[in-house]
């Protein structure tokens, strides 16, 4: 017969230790998801900025050939990775003989997630800007 002293006491994790571990994992997961969402919003904005630059270059090629922006085709799909679900690229108004303005307007989740920059713009002089954004300097968004 084994006495009480010879028995080895088996210890495991206590409920408190387990709950602390679960809480730490939950906090780290929350931070990781927030960082990921921020990175996704920023990468979509970068794709929209690249698209605007690409379309502005196409407008300059059109002007070089025709000596006017009038009659330039509407902005087509960009080669950059931009989805119409995230940004809509279009002219602001109608191009004149010497001027145009292109805008990339956020759509859907991008509109609600990217309140810092809002709508990105570029004009015939190459001036880049933002509309409806909280950022003080447009270069923070470009």
Protein backbone atom coordinates (compact mmCIF):
# COMPACT_ATOMS: atom_id res chain seq x y z
CA UNK A 1 0.00 0.00 0.00
CA UNK A 2 1.26 3.42 -0.96
CA UNK A 3 1.37 6.04 1.65
CA UNK A 4 0.32 9.65 1.05
CA UNK A 5 3.91 10.80 1.12
CA UNK A 6 5.13 8.60 -1.69
CA UNK A 7 2.47 9.78 -4.10
CA UNK A 8 3.69 12.34 -6.53
CA UNK A 9 1.52 15.36 -6.79
CA UNK A 10 0.72 16.09 -10.46
CA UNK A 11 0.30 19.76 -11.26
CA UNK A 12 -1.15 21.31 -14.38
CA UNK A 13 -2.14 24.80 -15.38
CA UNK A 14 -4.52 26.61 -13.14
CA UNK A 15 -7.60 28.27 -14.54
CA UNK A 16 -6.10 31.71 -13.81
CA UNK A 17 -2.94 30.93 -15.78
CA UNK A 18 -5.01 29.65 -18.69
CA UNK A 19 -7.25 32.75 -18.70
CA UNK A 20 -4.22 35.11 -18.63
CA UNK A 21 -2.75 33.27 -21.64
CA UNK A 22 -6.05 33.51 -23.53
CA UNK A 23 -6.30 37.23 -22.74
CA UNK A 24 -2.76 37.89 -24.01
CA UNK A 25 -3.45 36.00 -27.24
CA UNK A 26 -6.71 37.95 -27.74
CA UNK A 27 -4.95 41.31 -27.28
CA UNK A 28 -2.18 40.38 -29.73
CA UNK A 29 -4.77 39.19 -32.25
CA UNK A 30 -6.68 42.46 -31.97
CA UNK A 31 -3.53 44.48 -32.61
CA UNK A 32 -2.58 42.30 -35.59
CA UNK A 33 -6.02 42.63 -37.22
CA UNK A 34 -6.03 46.43 -36.80
CA UNK A 35 -2.55 46.69 -38.32
CA UNK A 36 -3.58 44.48 -41.23
CA UNK A 37 -6.69 46.58 -41.95
CA UNK A 38 -4.59 49.76 -41.95
CA UNK A 39 -2.10 48.21 -44.37
CA UNK A 40 -4.88 47.11 -46.73
CA UNK A 41 -6.43 50.61 -46.79
CA UNK A 42 -3.04 52.18 -47.43
CA UNK A 43 -2.17 49.75 -50.25
CA UNK A 44 -5.52 50.38 -51.97
CA UNK A 45 -4.88 54.14 -51.72
CA UNK A 46 -1.43 53.65 -53.26
CA UNK A 47 -2.98 51.70 -56.14
CA UNK A 48 -5.46 54.55 -56.72
CA UNK A 49 -2.64 57.11 -56.71
CA UNK A 50 -0.72 55.00 -59.25
CA UNK A 51 -3.84 54.77 -61.39
CA UNK A 52 -4.28 58.55 -61.33
CA UNK A 53 -0.66 59.05 -62.34
CA UNK A 54 -1.06 56.55 -65.16
CA UNK A 55 -4.23 58.25 -66.42
CA UNK A 56 -2.60 61.72 -66.19
CA UNK A 57 0.26 60.43 -68.34
CA UNK A 58 -2.27 59.12 -70.86
CA UNK A 59 -3.88 62.56 -70.92
CA UNK A 60 -0.50 64.17 -71.61
CA UNK A 61 0.10 61.75 -74.48
CA UNK A 62 -3.33 62.68 -75.86
CA UNK A 63 -2.49 66.40 -75.55
CA UNK A 64 0.85 65.91 -77.32
CA UNK A 65 -0.92 64.32 -80.27
CA UNK A 66 -3.99 66.62 -80.44
CA UNK A 67 -2.82 69.86 -78.75
CA UNK A 68 -5.99 69.82 -76.66
CA UNK A 69 -7.53 67.76 -73.86
CA UNK A 70 -10.99 68.13 -75.41
CA UNK A 71 -12.26 64.81 -76.67
CA UNK A 72 -9.91 62.76 -74.53
CA UNK A 73 -11.33 59.32 -73.77
CA UNK A 74 -12.78 58.64 -70.35
CA UNK A 75 -10.33 57.10 -67.89
CA UNK A 76 -10.00 53.42 -68.70
CA UNK A 77 -9.04 50.59 -66.41
CA UNK A 78 -5.58 50.97 -64.93
CA UNK A 79 -2.78 48.47 -65.07
CA UNK A 80 -2.28 48.92 -61.31
CA UNK A 81 -4.14 46.65 -58.93
CA UNK A 82 -7.21 48.81 -58.33
CA UNK A 83 -10.72 47.48 -58.05
CA UNK A 84 -13.84 49.50 -58.93
CA UNK A 85 -15.18 48.27 -55.59
CA UNK A 86 -12.54 50.41 -53.85
CA UNK A 87 -12.03 53.49 -56.07
CA UNK A 88 -13.82 55.09 -59.01
CA UNK A 89 -11.50 57.05 -61.33
CA UNK A 90 -13.17 59.76 -63.43
CA UNK A 91 -12.82 63.28 -64.76
CA UNK A 92 -13.98 66.12 -62.56
CA UNK A 93 -16.09 68.04 -65.04
CA UNK A 94 -15.15 68.03 -68.71
CA UNK A 95 -11.57 68.48 -69.95
CA UNK A 96 -10.99 71.84 -71.64
CA UNK A 97 -8.41 72.71 -74.27
CA UNK A 98 -5.74 73.35 -71.63
CA UNK A 99 -6.92 71.73 -68.41
CA UNK A 100 -8.31 68.58 -66.84
CA UNK A 101 -8.73 67.14 -63.37
CA UNK A 102 -8.88 63.46 -62.55
CA UNK A 103 -10.32 62.12 -59.30
CA UNK A 104 -10.11 58.75 -57.56
CA UNK A 105 -13.12 58.58 -55.26
CA UNK A 106 -13.15 55.86 -52.58
CA UNK A 107 -16.07 53.44 -52.72
CA UNK A 108 -17.66 51.09 -50.19
CA UNK A 109 -15.48 50.02 -47.26
CA UNK A 110 -12.57 52.08 -48.54
CA UNK A 111 -14.66 55.27 -48.21
CA UNK A 112 -15.50 54.55 -44.59
CA UNK A 113 -12.02 53.26 -43.70
CA UNK A 114 -9.93 55.97 -45.37
CA UNK A 115 -11.24 59.19 -43.85
CA UNK A 116 -7.70 60.56 -43.67
CA UNK A 117 -7.31 61.07 -47.41
CA UNK A 118 -10.72 60.86 -49.02
CA UNK A 119 -10.75 61.59 -52.76
CA UNK A 120 -7.37 61.86 -54.51
CA UNK A 121 -6.98 64.39 -57.35
CA UNK A 122 -4.45 65.33 -60.02
CA UNK A 123 -4.73 68.06 -62.65
CA UNK A 124 -3.07 69.05 -65.93
CA UNK A 125 -0.30 70.92 -64.11
CA UNK A 126 0.55 67.78 -62.14
CA UNK A 127 -0.75 69.21 -58.87
CA UNK A 128 -1.79 66.38 -56.58
CA UNK A 129 -4.40 66.96 -53.93
CA UNK A 130 -7.14 65.53 -51.75
CA UNK A 131 -10.82 66.36 -51.32
CA UNK A 132 -12.85 65.56 -48.20
CA UNK A 133 -9.83 64.26 -46.31
CA UNK A 134 -8.55 65.03 -42.82
CA UNK A 135 -4.87 65.03 -43.83
CA UNK A 136 -3.33 68.49 -43.72
CA UNK A 137 -0.76 67.78 -46.43
CA UNK A 138 -1.81 65.95 -49.63
CA UNK A 139 1.67 64.46 -49.88
CA UNK A 140 0.83 62.34 -46.81
CA UNK A 141 -1.75 60.58 -48.98
CA UNK A 142 0.29 60.33 -52.15
